[in-house]
């Protein structure tokens, strides 16, 4: 019984752990603030790479 409890507990932890790993931005202003650190060339490269990843599916 105790082994089953720990197994179920571990399965829940494994199942829910990706949820806390997701990064969310509070507002558009937060995202704009982060993008200020990049040059226009870097922004273009990041955008192109994201487009490539979406196309590859």
N, C-alpha and C. Protein backbone atom coordinates (compact mmCIF):
# COMPACT_ATOMS: atom_id res chain seq x y z
N UNK A 1 0.82 -1.19 0.00
CA UNK A 1 0.00 0.00 0.00
C UNK A 1 0.86 1.26 0.00
N UNK A 2 1.92 1.26 0.83
CA UNK A 2 2.80 2.42 0.92
C UNK A 2 3.59 2.60 -0.38
N UNK A 3 4.00 1.49 -0.99
CA UNK A 3 4.72 1.57 -2.26
C UNK A 3 3.83 2.18 -3.34
N UNK A 4 2.58 1.78 -3.35
CA UNK A 4 1.64 2.32 -4.33
C UNK A 4 1.44 3.82 -4.14
N UNK A 5 1.35 4.26 -2.87
CA UNK A 5 1.20 5.68 -2.58
C UNK A 5 2.39 6.47 -3.12
N UNK A 6 3.61 5.99 -2.85
CA UNK A 6 4.79 6.69 -3.33
C UNK A 6 4.88 6.67 -4.85
N UNK A 7 4.47 5.57 -5.46
CA UNK A 7 4.46 5.50 -6.91
C UNK A 7 3.51 6.53 -7.50
N UNK A 8 2.32 6.62 -6.95
CA UNK A 8 1.33 7.59 -7.43
C UNK A 8 1.83 9.00 -7.19
N UNK A 9 2.42 9.25 -6.04
CA UNK A 9 2.96 10.57 -5.73
C UNK A 9 4.06 10.96 -6.72
N UNK A 10 4.96 10.06 -7.01
CA UNK A 10 6.03 10.33 -7.97
C UNK A 10 5.46 10.57 -9.36
N UNK A 11 4.47 9.81 -9.75
CA UNK A 11 3.85 10.00 -11.06
C UNK A 11 3.21 11.39 -11.17
N UNK A 12 2.56 11.86 -10.11
CA UNK A 12 1.97 13.20 -10.11
C UNK A 12 3.04 14.27 -10.22
N UNK A 13 4.13 14.10 -9.49
CA UNK A 13 5.22 15.08 -9.55
C UNK A 13 5.81 15.13 -10.95
N UNK A 14 6.03 13.98 -11.55
CA UNK A 14 6.58 13.93 -12.91
C UNK A 14 5.60 14.54 -13.90
N UNK A 15 4.32 14.28 -13.73
CA UNK A 15 3.32 14.80 -14.66
C UNK A 15 3.15 16.30 -14.55
N UNK A 16 3.28 16.85 -13.36
CA UNK A 16 3.04 18.28 -13.15
C UNK A 16 4.30 19.14 -13.22
N UNK A 17 5.47 18.54 -13.22
CA UNK A 17 6.70 19.33 -13.21
C UNK A 17 6.89 20.21 -14.44
N UNK A 18 6.47 19.83 -15.65
CA UNK A 18 6.64 20.74 -16.79
C UNK A 18 5.82 22.01 -16.66
N UNK A 19 4.75 21.99 -15.90
CA UNK A 19 3.92 23.18 -15.76
C UNK A 19 4.67 24.33 -15.11
N UNK A 20 5.51 24.03 -14.14
CA UNK A 20 6.25 25.08 -13.45
C UNK A 20 7.45 25.54 -14.26
N UNK A 21 7.83 24.80 -15.27
CA UNK A 21 9.00 25.15 -16.07
C UNK A 21 8.67 26.16 -17.17
N UNK A 22 7.41 26.39 -17.43
CA UNK A 22 7.02 27.31 -18.49
C UNK A 22 7.23 28.76 -18.05
N UNK A 23 7.81 29.55 -18.93
CA UNK A 23 8.01 30.96 -18.65
C UNK A 23 6.85 31.75 -19.24
N UNK A 24 6.27 32.60 -18.43
CA UNK A 24 5.20 33.46 -18.92
C UNK A 24 5.60 34.91 -18.72
N UNK A 25 5.17 35.75 -19.62
CA UNK A 25 5.42 37.17 -19.53
C UNK A 25 4.16 37.84 -19.00
N UNK A 26 4.33 38.73 -18.04
CA UNK A 26 3.18 39.38 -17.43
C UNK A 26 2.47 40.31 -18.39
N UNK A 27 3.24 41.13 -19.09
CA UNK A 27 2.64 42.13 -19.97
C UNK A 27 3.48 42.27 -21.23
N UNK A 28 2.94 43.00 -22.17
CA UNK A 28 3.69 43.32 -23.39
C UNK A 28 4.91 44.15 -23.03
N UNK A 29 4.77 45.02 -22.04
CA UNK A 29 5.89 45.86 -21.61
C UNK A 29 7.05 45.01 -21.09
N UNK A 30 6.76 43.91 -20.41
CA UNK A 30 7.82 43.01 -19.93
C UNK A 30 8.58 42.41 -21.10
N UNK A 31 7.85 41.99 -22.12
CA UNK A 31 8.48 41.41 -23.30
C UNK A 31 9.31 42.45 -24.05
N UNK A 32 8.78 43.65 -24.19
CA UNK A 32 9.52 44.72 -24.86
C UNK A 32 10.79 45.07 -24.10
N UNK A 33 10.72 45.06 -22.78
CA UNK A 33 11.90 45.35 -21.96
C UNK A 33 12.99 44.31 -22.19
N UNK A 34 12.60 43.05 -22.29
CA UNK A 34 13.59 42.00 -22.52
C UNK A 34 14.21 42.14 -23.91
N UNK A 35 13.42 42.50 -24.91
CA UNK A 35 13.93 42.61 -26.27
C UNK A 35 14.83 43.83 -26.45
N UNK A 36 14.79 44.80 -25.55
CA UNK A 36 15.66 45.97 -25.66
C UNK A 36 17.14 45.60 -25.55
N UNK A 37 17.43 44.46 -24.93
CA UNK A 37 18.81 44.03 -24.74
C UNK A 37 19.45 43.54 -26.05
N UNK A 38 18.66 43.27 -27.07
CA UNK A 38 19.18 42.72 -28.32
C UNK A 38 19.33 43.81 -29.37
N UNK A 39 20.30 43.61 -30.27
CA UNK A 39 20.45 44.52 -31.40
C UNK A 39 19.40 44.17 -32.44
N UNK A 40 19.21 45.03 -33.42
CA UNK A 40 18.21 44.76 -34.46
C UNK A 40 18.59 43.51 -35.25
N UNK A 41 19.88 43.29 -35.45
CA UNK A 41 20.32 42.08 -36.16
C UNK A 41 19.95 40.83 -35.36
N UNK A 42 20.19 40.85 -34.05
CA UNK A 42 19.86 39.71 -33.22
C UNK A 42 18.35 39.46 -33.20
N UNK A 43 17.57 40.52 -33.17
CA UNK A 43 16.11 40.38 -33.19
C UNK A 43 15.66 39.71 -34.47
N UNK A 44 16.24 40.13 -35.59
CA UNK A 44 15.88 39.54 -36.88
C UNK A 44 16.27 38.07 -36.94
N UNK A 45 17.45 37.74 -36.43
CA UNK A 45 17.89 36.34 -36.42
C UNK A 45 16.99 35.48 -35.53
N UNK A 46 16.64 35.98 -34.37
CA UNK A 46 15.75 35.23 -33.48
C UNK A 46 14.38 35.02 -34.12
N UNK A 47 13.87 36.05 -34.74
CA UNK A 47 12.58 35.95 -35.40
C UNK A 47 12.62 34.95 -36.56
N UNK A 48 13.69 34.99 -37.34
CA UNK A 48 13.84 34.05 -38.46
C UNK A 48 13.95 32.62 -37.96
N UNK A 49 14.68 32.43 -36.88
CA UNK A 49 14.84 31.09 -36.32
C UNK A 49 13.50 30.56 -35.80
N UNK A 50 12.72 31.41 -35.16
CA UNK A 50 11.39 30.99 -34.69
C UNK A 50 10.50 30.61 -35.86
N UNK A 51 10.54 31.40 -36.93
CA UNK A 51 9.77 31.06 -38.13
C UNK A 51 10.19 29.71 -38.68
N UNK A 52 11.50 29.46 -38.72
CA UNK A 52 12.02 28.18 -39.19
C UNK A 52 11.50 27.03 -38.34
N UNK A 53 11.53 27.20 -37.02
CA UNK A 53 11.06 26.13 -36.13
C UNK A 53 9.58 25.84 -36.33
N UNK A 54 8.77 26.88 -36.51
CA UNK A 54 7.34 26.67 -36.73
C UNK A 54 7.09 25.98 -38.07
N UNK A 55 7.86 26.32 -39.08
CA UNK A 55 7.69 25.68 -40.39
C UNK A 55 8.06 24.21 -40.34
N UNK A 56 9.06 23.86 -39.54
CA UNK A 56 9.50 22.47 -39.44
C UNK A 56 8.52 21.63 -38.62
N UNK A 57 7.72 22.32 -37.82
CA UNK A 57 6.65 21.69 -37.08
C UNK A 57 7.04 20.74 -36.02
